[in-house]
Amino acid sequence: MSPTILIFLVVCAMLGYRVISAVPSLLHTPLMSGMNALSGITVLGSIAIYAAAPPGIRSLAAAALILAMINVVGGFWVTERMLRMFKHKEKQEVKG
């Protein structure tokens, strides 16, 4: 693996951590749908890179694929949980 790719990977990881840690906790859930779309693009990109890359880079593409899929699944789980909170419960009739 070339040092340029490794430096790029480290810089992107640090920048991503910095950006995400600056987001207030109240905004995490509304931003989840946008992040799911970006993770979907990451999944497609990592599959394409895995298919065309030499063996040394394939491990990074596989790691990107696994991490992006964890993010997609977690995002859908959080979104589904949030939507369940807003569903109206059927009112029970009071008999008396």
PDB file of N, CA and C in Angstrom:
ATOM      1  N   MET A   1       0.848  -1.164   0.000  1.00  0.00           N
ATOM      2  CA  MET A   1       0.000   0.000   0.000  1.00  0.00           C
ATOM      3  C   MET A   1       0.900   1.234   0.000  1.00  0.00           C
ATOM      4  N   SER A   2       0.511   2.189  -0.815  1.00  0.00           N
ATOM      5  CA  SER A   2       1.357   3.379  -0.904  1.00  0.00           C
ATOM      6  C   SER A   2       1.137   4.292   0.308  1.00  0.00           C
ATOM      7  N   PRO A   3       2.173   5.041   0.681  1.00  0.00           N
ATOM      8  CA  PRO A   3       2.044   5.945   1.835  1.00  0.00           C
ATOM      9  C   PRO A   3       1.000   7.034   1.605  1.00  0.00           C
ATOM     10  N   THR A   4       0.781   7.420   0.346  1.00  0.00           N
ATOM     11  CA  THR A   4      -0.213   8.456   0.043  1.00  0.00           C
ATOM     12  C   THR A   4      -1.610   7.987   0.428  1.00  0.00           C
ATOM     13  N   ILE A   5      -1.927   6.745   0.107  1.00  0.00           N
ATOM     14  CA  ILE A   5      -3.254   6.207   0.444  1.00  0.00           C
ATOM     15  C   ILE A   5      -3.416   6.116   1.956  1.00  0.00           C
ATOM     16  N   LEU A   6      -2.380   5.690   2.637  1.00  0.00           N
ATOM     17  CA  LEU A   6      -2.448   5.578   4.094  1.00  0.00           C
ATOM     18  C   LEU A   6      -2.608   6.955   4.750  1.00  0.00           C
ATOM     19  N   ILE A   7      -1.876   7.943   4.281  1.00  0.00           N
ATOM     20  CA  ILE A   7      -2.003   9.304   4.808  1.00  0.00           C
ATOM     21  C   ILE A   7      -3.402   9.840   4.546  1.00  0.00           C
ATOM     22  N   PHE A   8      -3.918   9.601   3.344  1.00  0.00           N
ATOM     23  CA  PHE A   8      -5.265  10.045   2.986  1.00  0.00           C
ATOM     24  C   PHE A   8      -6.303   9.393   3.894  1.00  0.00           C
ATOM     25  N   LEU A   9      -6.159   8.120   4.164  1.00  0.00           N
ATOM     26  CA  LEU A   9      -7.079   7.395   5.036  1.00  0.00           C
ATOM     27  C   LEU A   9      -7.062   7.970   6.454  1.00  0.00           C
ATOM     28  N   VAL A  10      -5.886   8.224   6.990  1.00  0.00           N
ATOM     29  CA  VAL A  10      -5.763   8.759   8.348  1.00  0.00           C
ATOM     30  C   VAL A  10      -6.342  10.168   8.434  1.00  0.00           C
ATOM     31  N   VAL A  11      -6.040  11.011   7.452  1.00  0.00           N
ATOM     32  CA  VAL A  11      -6.558  12.380   7.455  1.00  0.00           C
ATOM     33  C   VAL A  11      -8.081  12.377   7.350  1.00  0.00           C
ATOM     34  N   CYS A  12      -8.638  11.525   6.493  1.00  0.00           N
ATOM     35  CA  CYS A  12     -10.097  11.445   6.356  1.00  0.00           C
ATOM     36  C   CYS A  12     -10.750  10.941   7.640  1.00  0.00           C
ATOM     37  N   ALA A  13     -10.140   9.981   8.291  1.00  0.00           N
ATOM     38  CA  ALA A  13     -10.687   9.467   9.547  1.00  0.00           C
ATOM     39  C   ALA A  13     -10.672  10.549  10.618  1.00  0.00           C
ATOM     40  N   MET A  14      -9.587  11.292  10.704  1.00  0.00           N
ATOM     41  CA  MET A  14      -9.499  12.357  11.707  1.00  0.00           C
ATOM     42  C   MET A  14     -10.501  13.468  11.405  1.00  0.00           C
ATOM     43  N   LEU A  15     -10.622  13.836  10.155  1.00  0.00           N
ATOM     44  CA  LEU A  15     -11.564  14.878   9.764  1.00  0.00           C
ATOM     45  C   LEU A  15     -13.004  14.438  10.019  1.00  0.00           C
ATOM     46  N   GLY A  16     -13.319  13.206   9.688  1.00  0.00           N
ATOM     47  CA  GLY A  16     -14.663  12.684   9.933  1.00  0.00           C
ATOM     48  C   GLY A  16     -15.003  12.676  11.408  1.00  0.00           C
ATOM     49  N   TYR A  17     -14.069  12.244  12.231  1.00  0.00           N
ATOM     50  CA  TYR A  17     -14.293  12.250  13.680  1.00  0.00           C
ATOM     51  C   TYR A  17     -14.517  13.670  14.177  1.00  0.00           C
ATOM     52  N   ARG A  18     -13.730  14.591  13.690  1.00  0.00           N
ATOM     53  CA  ARG A  18     -13.844  15.998  14.122  1.00  0.00           C
ATOM     54  C   ARG A  18     -15.198  16.589  13.734  1.00  0.00           C
ATOM     55  N   VAL A  19     -15.650  16.294  12.519  1.00  0.00           N
ATOM     56  CA  VAL A  19     -16.935  16.826  12.045  1.00  0.00           C
ATOM     57  C   VAL A  19     -18.090  16.231  12.846  1.00  0.00           C
ATOM     58  N   ILE A  20     -18.081  14.922  13.049  1.00  0.00           N
ATOM     59  CA  ILE A  20     -19.169  14.261  13.762  1.00  0.00           C
ATOM     60  C   ILE A  20     -19.202  14.682  15.229  1.00  0.00           C
ATOM     61  N   SER A  21     -18.059  14.851  15.846  1.00  0.00           N
ATOM     62  CA  SER A  21     -18.051  15.232  17.257  1.00  0.00           C
ATOM     63  C   SER A  21     -18.517  16.668  17.468  1.00  0.00           C
ATOM     64  N   ALA A  22     -18.521  17.488  16.423  1.00  0.00           N
ATOM     65  CA  ALA A  22     -18.967  18.873  16.548  1.00  0.00           C
ATOM     66  C   ALA A  22     -20.479  19.018  16.405  1.00  0.00           C
ATOM     67  N   VAL A  23     -21.176  17.958  15.999  1.00  0.00           N
ATOM     68  CA  VAL A  23     -22.628  18.025  15.812  1.00  0.00           C
ATOM     69  C   VAL A  23     -23.318  17.864  17.166  1.00  0.00           C
ATOM     70  N   PRO A  24     -24.228  18.774  17.521  1.00  0.00           N
ATOM     71  CA  PRO A  24     -24.951  18.637  18.793  1.00  0.00           C
ATOM     72  C   PRO A  24     -25.796  17.357  18.811  1.00  0.00           C
ATOM     73  N   SER A  25     -25.986  16.792  19.977  1.00  0.00           N
ATOM     74  CA  SER A  25     -26.687  15.515  20.082  1.00  0.00           C
ATOM     75  C   SER A  25     -28.135  15.593  19.615  1.00  0.00           C
ATOM     76  N   LEU A  26     -28.758  16.769  19.684  1.00  0.00           N
ATOM     77  CA  LEU A  26     -30.134  16.908  19.218  1.00  0.00           C
ATOM     78  C   LEU A  26     -30.268  16.761  17.713  1.00  0.00           C
ATOM     79  N   LEU A  27     -29.192  16.961  16.983  1.00  0.00           N
ATOM     80  CA  LEU A  27     -29.249  16.875  15.523  1.00  0.00           C
ATOM     81  C   LEU A  27     -28.858  15.510  14.972  1.00  0.00           C
ATOM     82  N   HIS A  28     -28.404  14.603  15.810  1.00  0.00           N
ATOM     83  CA  HIS A  28     -27.933  13.316  15.303  1.00  0.00           C
ATOM     84  C   HIS A  28     -29.035  12.533  14.620  1.00  0.00           C
ATOM     85  N   THR A  29     -30.221  12.451  15.209  1.00  0.00           N
ATOM     86  CA  THR A  29     -31.291  11.653  14.622  1.00  0.00           C
ATOM     87  C   THR A  29     -31.800  12.235  13.313  1.00  0.00           C
ATOM     88  N   PRO A  30     -32.063  13.544  13.201  1.00  0.00           N
ATOM     89  CA  PRO A  30     -32.497  14.067  11.901  1.00  0.00           C
ATOM     90  C   PRO A  30     -31.455  13.906  10.790  1.00  0.00           C
ATOM     91  N   LEU A  31     -30.187  13.896  11.153  1.00  0.00           N
ATOM     92  CA  LEU A  31     -29.146  13.748  10.145  1.00  0.00           C
ATOM     93  C   LEU A  31     -28.924  12.295   9.739  1.00  0.00           C
ATOM     94  N   MET A  32     -29.582  11.363  10.438  1.00  0.00           N
ATOM     95  CA  MET A  32     -29.355   9.945  10.184  1.00  0.00           C
ATOM     96  C   MET A  32     -29.755   9.537   8.770  1.00  0.00           C
ATOM     97  N   SER A  33     -30.849  10.089   8.238  1.00  0.00           N
ATOM     98  CA  SER A  33     -31.278   9.690   6.900  1.00  0.00           C
ATOM     99  C   SER A  33     -30.264  10.126   5.839  1.00  0.00           C
ATOM    100  N   GLY A  34     -29.691  11.306   6.022  1.00  0.00           N
ATOM    101  CA  GLY A  34     -28.650  11.744   5.090  1.00  0.00           C
ATOM    102  C   GLY A  34     -27.411  10.877   5.185  1.00  0.00           C
ATOM    103  N   MET A  35     -27.063  10.481   6.384  1.00  0.00           N
ATOM    104  CA  MET A  35     -25.899   9.610   6.565  1.00  0.00           C
ATOM    105  C   MET A  35     -26.154   8.226   5.998  1.00  0.00           C
ATOM    106  N   ASN A  36     -27.409   7.759   6.046  1.00  0.00           N
ATOM    107  CA  ASN A  36     -27.717   6.467   5.427  1.00  0.00           C
ATOM    108  C   ASN A  36     -27.482   6.525   3.925  1.00  0.00           C
ATOM    109  N   ALA A  37     -27.839   7.641   3.305  1.00  0.00           N
ATOM    110  CA  ALA A  37     -27.606   7.779   1.867  1.00  0.00           C
ATOM    111  C   ALA A  37     -26.109   7.788   1.559  1.00  0.00           C
ATOM    112  N   LEU A  38     -25.340   8.505   2.365  1.00  0.00           N
ATOM    113  CA  LEU A  38     -23.891   8.534   2.155  1.00  0.00           C
ATOM    114  C   LEU A  38     -23.263   7.165   2.408  1.00  0.00           C
ATOM    115  N   SER A  39     -23.765   6.458   3.404  1.00  0.00           N
ATOM    116  CA  SER A  39     -23.237   5.116   3.662  1.00  0.00           C
ATOM    117  C   SER A  39     -23.586   4.163   2.536  1.00  0.00           C
ATOM    118  N   GLY A  40     -24.744   4.352   1.929  1.00  0.00           N
ATOM    119  CA  GLY A  40     -25.098   3.543   0.764  1.00  0.00           C
ATOM    120  C   GLY A  40     -24.140   3.781  -0.396  1.00  0.00           C
ATOM    121  N   ILE A  41     -23.741   5.011  -0.587  1.00  0.00           N
ATOM    122  CA  ILE A  41     -22.758   5.324  -1.627  1.00  0.00           C
ATOM    123  C   ILE A  41     -21.408   4.698  -1.269  1.00  0.00           C
ATOM    124  N   THR A  42     -21.051   4.720   0.007  1.00  0.00           N
ATOM    125  CA  THR A  42     -19.808   4.095   0.462  1.00  0.00           C
ATOM    126  C   THR A  42     -19.838   2.593   0.221  1.00  0.00           C
ATOM    127  N   VAL A  43     -20.985   1.974   0.447  1.00  0.00           N
ATOM    128  CA  VAL A  43     -21.119   0.539   0.188  1.00  0.00           C
ATOM    129  C   VAL A  43     -20.863   0.239  -1.291  1.00  0.00           C
ATOM    130  N   LEU A  44     -21.492   0.999  -2.170  1.00  0.00           N
ATOM    131  CA  LEU A  44     -21.300   0.773  -3.607  1.00  0.00           C
ATOM    132  C   LEU A  44     -19.855   1.028  -4.026  1.00  0.00           C
ATOM    133  N   GLY A  45     -19.256   2.092  -3.496  1.00  0.00           N
ATOM    134  CA  GLY A  45     -17.864   2.399  -3.830  1.00  0.00           C
ATOM    135  C   GLY A  45     -16.905   1.332  -3.336  1.00  0.00           C
ATOM    136  N   SER A  46     -17.132   0.828  -2.136  1.00  0.00           N
ATOM    137  CA  SER A  46     -16.229  -0.201  -1.607  1.00  0.00           C
ATOM    138  C   SER A  46     -16.379  -1.519  -2.354  1.00  0.00           C
ATOM    139  N   ILE A  47     -17.583  -1.819  -2.838  1.00  0.00           N
ATOM    140  CA  ILE A  47     -17.759  -3.021  -3.667  1.00  0.00           C
ATOM    141  C   ILE A  47     -17.008  -2.866  -4.987  1.00  0.00           C
ATOM    142  N   ALA A  48     -17.114  -1.677  -5.586  1.00  0.00           N
ATOM    143  CA  ALA A  48     -16.410  -1.437  -6.847  1.00  0.00           C
ATOM    144  C   ALA A  48     -14.895  -1.500  -6.658  1.00  0.00           C
ATOM    145  N   ILE A  49     -14.396  -0.917  -5.579  1.00  0.00           N
ATOM    146  CA  ILE A  49     -12.957  -0.946  -5.312  1.00  0.00           C
ATOM    147  C   ILE A  49     -12.497  -2.367  -5.013  1.00  0.00           C
ATOM    148  N   TYR A  50     -13.293  -3.111  -4.262  1.00  0.00           N
ATOM    149  CA  TYR A  50     -12.934  -4.494  -3.932  1.00  0.00           C
ATOM    150  C   TYR A  50     -12.802  -5.335  -5.201  1.00  0.00           C
ATOM    151  N   ALA A  51     -13.677  -5.092  -6.167  1.00  0.00           N
ATOM    152  CA  ALA A  51     -13.649  -5.878  -7.404  1.00  0.00           C
ATOM    153  C   ALA A  51     -12.432  -5.563  -8.262  1.00  0.00           C
ATOM    154  N   ALA A  52     -11.954  -4.319  -8.221  1.00  0.00           N
ATOM    155  CA  ALA A  52     -10.893  -3.903  -9.123  1.00  0.00           C
ATOM    156  C   ALA A  52      -9.529  -3.732  -8.462  1.00  0.00           C
ATOM    157  N   ALA A  53      -9.436  -3.831  -7.168  1.00  0.00           N
ATOM    158  CA  ALA A  53      -8.204  -3.498  -6.451  1.00  0.00           C
ATOM    159  C   ALA A  53      -7.276  -4.697  -6.323  1.00  0.00           C
ATOM    160  N   PRO A  54      -5.982  -4.412  -6.157  1.00  0.00           N
ATOM    161  CA  PRO A  54      -5.040  -5.488  -5.859  1.00  0.00           C
ATOM    162  C   PRO A  54      -5.293  -6.033  -4.453  1.00  0.00           C
ATOM    163  N   PRO A  55      -4.778  -7.203  -4.137  1.00  0.00           N
ATOM    164  CA  PRO A  55      -5.072  -7.848  -2.845  1.00  0.00           C
ATOM    165  C   PRO A  55      -4.759  -6.995  -1.611  1.00  0.00           C
ATOM    166  N   GLY A  56      -3.739  -6.162  -1.642  1.00  0.00           N
ATOM    167  CA  GLY A  56      -3.399  -5.348  -0.482  1.00  0.00           C
ATOM    168  C   GLY A  56      -4.465  -4.317  -0.144  1.00  0.00           C
ATOM    169  N   ILE A  57      -5.147  -3.815  -1.149  1.00  0.00           N
ATOM    170  CA  ILE A  57      -6.183  -2.799  -0.956  1.00  0.00           C
ATOM    171  C   ILE A  57      -7.535  -3.446  -0.677  1.00  0.00           C
ATOM    172  N   ARG A  58      -7.711  -4.689  -1.063  1.00  0.00           N
ATOM    173  CA  ARG A  58      -8.999  -5.364  -0.866  1.00  0.00           C
ATOM    174  C   ARG A  58      -9.379  -5.447   0.603  1.00  0.00           C
ATOM    175  N   SER A  59      -8.416  -5.573   1.487  1.00  0.00           N
ATOM    176  CA  SER A  59      -8.747  -5.644   2.910  1.00  0.00           C
ATOM    177  C   SER A  59      -9.332  -4.310   3.395  1.00  0.00           C
ATOM    178  N   LEU A  60      -8.815  -3.187   2.889  1.00  0.00           N
ATOM    179  CA  LEU A  60      -9.381  -1.887   3.240  1.00  0.00           C
ATOM    180  C   LEU A  60     -10.784  -1.722   2.668  1.00  0.00           C
ATOM    181  N   ALA A  61     -10.984  -2.209   1.432  1.00  0.00           N
ATOM    182  CA  ALA A  61     -12.311  -2.131   0.826  1.00  0.00           C
ATOM    183  C   ALA A  61     -13.301  -3.005   1.591  1.00  0.00           C
ATOM    184  N   ALA A  62     -12.866  -4.171   2.040  1.00  0.00           N
ATOM    185  CA  ALA A  62     -13.742  -5.041   2.827  1.00  0.00           C
ATOM    186  C   ALA A  62     -14.076  -4.387   4.167  1.00  0.00           C
ATOM    187  N   ALA A  63     -13.103  -3.751   4.792  1.00  0.00           N
ATOM    188  CA  ALA A  63     -13.357  -3.055   6.058  1.00  0.00           C
ATOM    189  C   ALA A  63     -14.327  -1.893   5.843  1.00  0.00           C
ATOM    190  N   ALA A  64     -14.149  -1.156   4.746  1.00  0.00           N
ATOM    191  CA  ALA A  64     -15.069  -0.054   4.441  1.00  0.00           C
ATOM    192  C   ALA A  64     -16.478  -0.576   4.212  1.00  0.00           C
ATOM    193  N   LEU A  65     -16.584  -1.697   3.531  1.00  0.00           N
ATOM    194  CA  LEU A  65     -17.894  -2.296   3.274  1.00  0.00           C
ATOM    195  C   LEU A  65     -18.567  -2.712   4.583  1.00  0.00           C
ATOM    196  N   ILE A  66     -17.836  -3.360   5.454  1.00  0.00           N
ATOM    197  CA  ILE A  66     -18.400  -3.818   6.729  1.00  0.00           C
ATOM    198  C   ILE A  66     -18.828  -2.626   7.586  1.00  0.00           C
ATOM    199  N   LEU A  67     -17.973  -1.627   7.703  1.00  0.00           N
ATOM    200  CA  LEU A  67     -18.307  -0.462   8.531  1.00  0.00           C
ATOM    201  C   LEU A  67     -19.482   0.331   7.962  1.00  0.00           C
ATOM    202  N   ALA A  68     -19.530   0.465   6.635  1.00  0.00           N
ATOM    203  CA  ALA A  68     -20.654   1.188   6.026  1.00  0.00           C
ATOM    204  C   ALA A  68     -21.961   0.424   6.214  1.00  0.00           C
ATOM    205  N   MET A  69     -21.919  -0.901   6.133  1.00  0.00           N
ATOM    206  CA  MET A  69     -23.135  -1.686   6.340  1.00  0.00           C
ATOM    207  C   MET A  69     -23.596  -1.608   7.796  1.00  0.00           C
ATOM    208  N   ILE A  70     -22.653  -1.575   8.729  1.00  0.00           N
ATOM    209  CA  ILE A  70     -23.031  -1.397  10.140  1.00  0.00           C
ATOM    210  C   ILE A  70     -23.722  -0.047  10.312  1.00  0.00           C
ATOM    211  N   ASN A  71     -23.211   0.975   9.648  1.00  0.00           N
ATOM    212  CA  ASN A  71     -23.805   2.306   9.730  1.00  0.00           C
ATOM    213  C   ASN A  71     -25.195   2.333   9.110  1.00  0.00           C
ATOM    214  N   VAL A  72     -25.377   1.672   7.971  1.00  0.00           N
ATOM    215  CA  VAL A  72     -26.686   1.635   7.316  1.00  0.00           C
ATOM    216  C   VAL A  72     -27.701   0.912   8.198  1.00  0.00           C
ATOM    217  N   VAL A  73     -27.337  -0.256   8.695  1.00  0.00           N
ATOM    218  CA  VAL A  73     -28.254  -1.030   9.538  1.00  0.00           C
ATOM    219  C   VAL A  73     -28.580  -0.264  10.818  1.00  0.00           C
ATOM    220  N   GLY A  74     -27.579   0.308  11.453  1.00  0.00           N
ATOM    221  CA  GLY A  74     -27.816   1.095  12.659  1.00  0.00           C
ATOM    222  C   GLY A  74     -28.673   2.316  12.390  1.00  0.00           C
ATOM    223  N   GLY A  75     -28.470   2.949  11.255  1.00  0.00           N
ATOM    224  CA  GLY A  75     -29.280   4.113  10.893  1.00  0.00           C
ATOM    225  C   GLY A  75     -30.740   3.762  10.696  1.00  0.00           C
ATOM    226  N   PHE A  76     -30.991   2.645   9.997  1.00  0.00           N
ATOM    227  CA  PHE A  76     -32.374   2.219   9.819  1.00  0.00           C
ATOM    228  C   PHE A  76     -33.005   1.805  11.146  1.00  0.00           C
ATOM    229  N   TRP A  77     -32.221   1.189  12.014  1.00  0.00           N
ATOM    230  CA  TRP A  77     -32.739   0.779  13.315  1.00  0.00           C
ATOM    231  C   TRP A  77     -33.124   2.001  14.149  1.00  0.00           C
ATOM    232  N   VAL A  78     -32.260   3.016  14.175  1.00  0.00           N
ATOM    233  CA  VAL A  78     -32.557   4.229  14.942  1.00  0.00           C
ATOM    234  C   VAL A  78     -33.749   4.963  14.339  1.00  0.00           C
ATOM    235  N   THR A  79     -33.820   5.041  13.013  1.00  0.00           N
ATOM    236  CA  THR A  79     -34.935   5.723  12.359  1.00  0.00           C
ATOM    237  C   THR A  79     -36.251   5.004  12.652  1.00  0.00           C
ATOM    238  N   GLU A  80     -36.237   3.683  12.591  1.00  0.00           N
ATOM    239  CA  GLU A  80     -37.451   2.910  12.877  1.00  0.00           C
ATOM    240  C   GLU A  80     -37.878   3.109  14.326  1.00  0.00           C
ATOM    241  N   ARG A  81     -36.938   3.131  15.220  1.00  0.00           N
ATOM    242  CA  ARG A  81     -37.235   3.350  16.642  1.00  0.00           C
ATOM    243  C   ARG A  81     -37.808   4.744  16.862  1.00  0.00           C
ATOM    244  N   MET A  82     -37.256   5.740  16.170  1.00  0.00           N
ATOM    245  CA  MET A  82     -37.754   7.103  16.296  1.00  0.00           C
ATOM    246  C   MET A  82     -39.183   7.209  15.752  1.00  0.00           C
ATOM    247  N   LEU A  83     -39.462   6.564  14.624  1.00  0.00           N
ATOM    248  CA  LEU A  83     -40.803   6.615  14.057  1.00  0.00           C
ATOM    249  C   LEU A  83     -41.818   5.919  14.958  1.00  0.00           C
ATOM    250  N   ARG A  84     -41.406   4.858  15.636  1.00  0.00           N
ATOM    251  CA  ARG A  84     -42.305   4.183  16.578  1.00  0.00           C
ATOM    252  C   ARG A  84     -42.702   5.109  17.720  1.00  0.00           C
ATOM    253  N   MET A  85     -41.828   6.024  18.094  1.00  0.00           N
ATOM    254  CA  MET A  85     -42.140   6.948  19.187  1.00  0.00           C
ATOM    255  C   MET A  85     -43.262   7.911  18.799  1.00  0.00           C
ATOM    256  N   PHE A  86     -43.409   8.194  17.488  1.00  0.00           N
ATOM    257  CA  PHE A  86     -44.396   9.157  17.043  1.00  0.00           C
ATOM    258  C   PHE A  86     -45.719   8.525  16.637  1.00  0.00           C
ATOM    259  N   LYS A  87     -45.823   7.207  16.619  1.00  0.00           N
ATOM    260  CA  LYS A  87     -47.087   6.558  16.282  1.00  0.00           C
ATOM    261  C   LYS A  87     -48.062   6.757  17.428  1.00  0.00           C
ATOM    262  N   HIS A  88     -49.308   7.003  17.057  1.00  0.00           N
ATOM    263  CA  HIS A  88     -50.333   7.189  18.071  1.00  0.00           C
ATOM    264  C   HIS A  88     -50.794   5.829  18.589  1.00  0.00           C
ATOM    265  N   LYS A  89     -50.851   5.718  19.871  1.00  0.00           N
ATOM    266  CA  LYS A  89     -51.357   4.491  20.472  1.00  0.00           C
ATOM    267  C   LYS A  89     -52.877   4.562  20.466  1.00  0.00           C
ATOM    268  N   GLU A  90     -53.503   3.407  20.245  1.00  0.00           N
ATOM    269  CA  GLU A  90     -54.955   3.366  20.264  1.00  0.00           C
ATOM    270  C   GLU A  90     -55.446   3.656  21.681  1.00  0.00           C
ATOM    271  N   LYS A  91     -56.405   4.531  21.756  1.00  0.00           N
ATOM    272  CA  LYS A  91     -56.924   4.888  23.081  1.00  0.00           C
ATOM    273  C   LYS A  91     -57.815   3.767  23.589  1.00  0.00           C
ATOM    274  N   GLN A  92     -57.580   3.393  24.799  1.00  0.00           N
ATOM    275  CA  GLN A  92     -58.390   2.347  25.423  1.00  0.00           C
ATOM    276  C   GLN A  92     -59.639   2.983  26.013  1.00  0.00           C
ATOM    277  N   GLU A  93     -60.749   2.321  25.758  1.00  0.00           N
ATOM    278  CA  GLU A  93     -62.014   2.846  26.287  1.00  0.00           C
ATOM    279  C   GLU A  93     -62.095   2.556  27.775  1.00  0.00           C
ATOM    280  N   VAL A  94     -62.513   3.546  28.509  1.00  0.00           N
ATOM    281  CA  VAL A  94     -62.651   3.385  29.951  1.00  0.00           C
ATOM    282  C   VAL A  94     -64.064   2.893  30.231  1.00  0.00           C
ATOM    283  N   LYS A  95     -64.137   1.716  30.851  1.00  0.00           N
ATOM    284  CA  LYS A  95     -65.449   1.160  31.194  1.00  0.00           C
ATOM    285  C   LYS A  95     -65.679   1.361  32.691  1.00  0.00           C
ATOM    286  N   GLY A  96     -66.785   1.846  33.044  1.00  0.00           N
ATOM    287  CA  GLY A  96     -66.992   2.069  34.458  1.00  0.00           C
ATOM    288  C   GLY A  96     -68.345   2.355  34.762  1.00  0.00           C
TER     289      GLY A  96
END
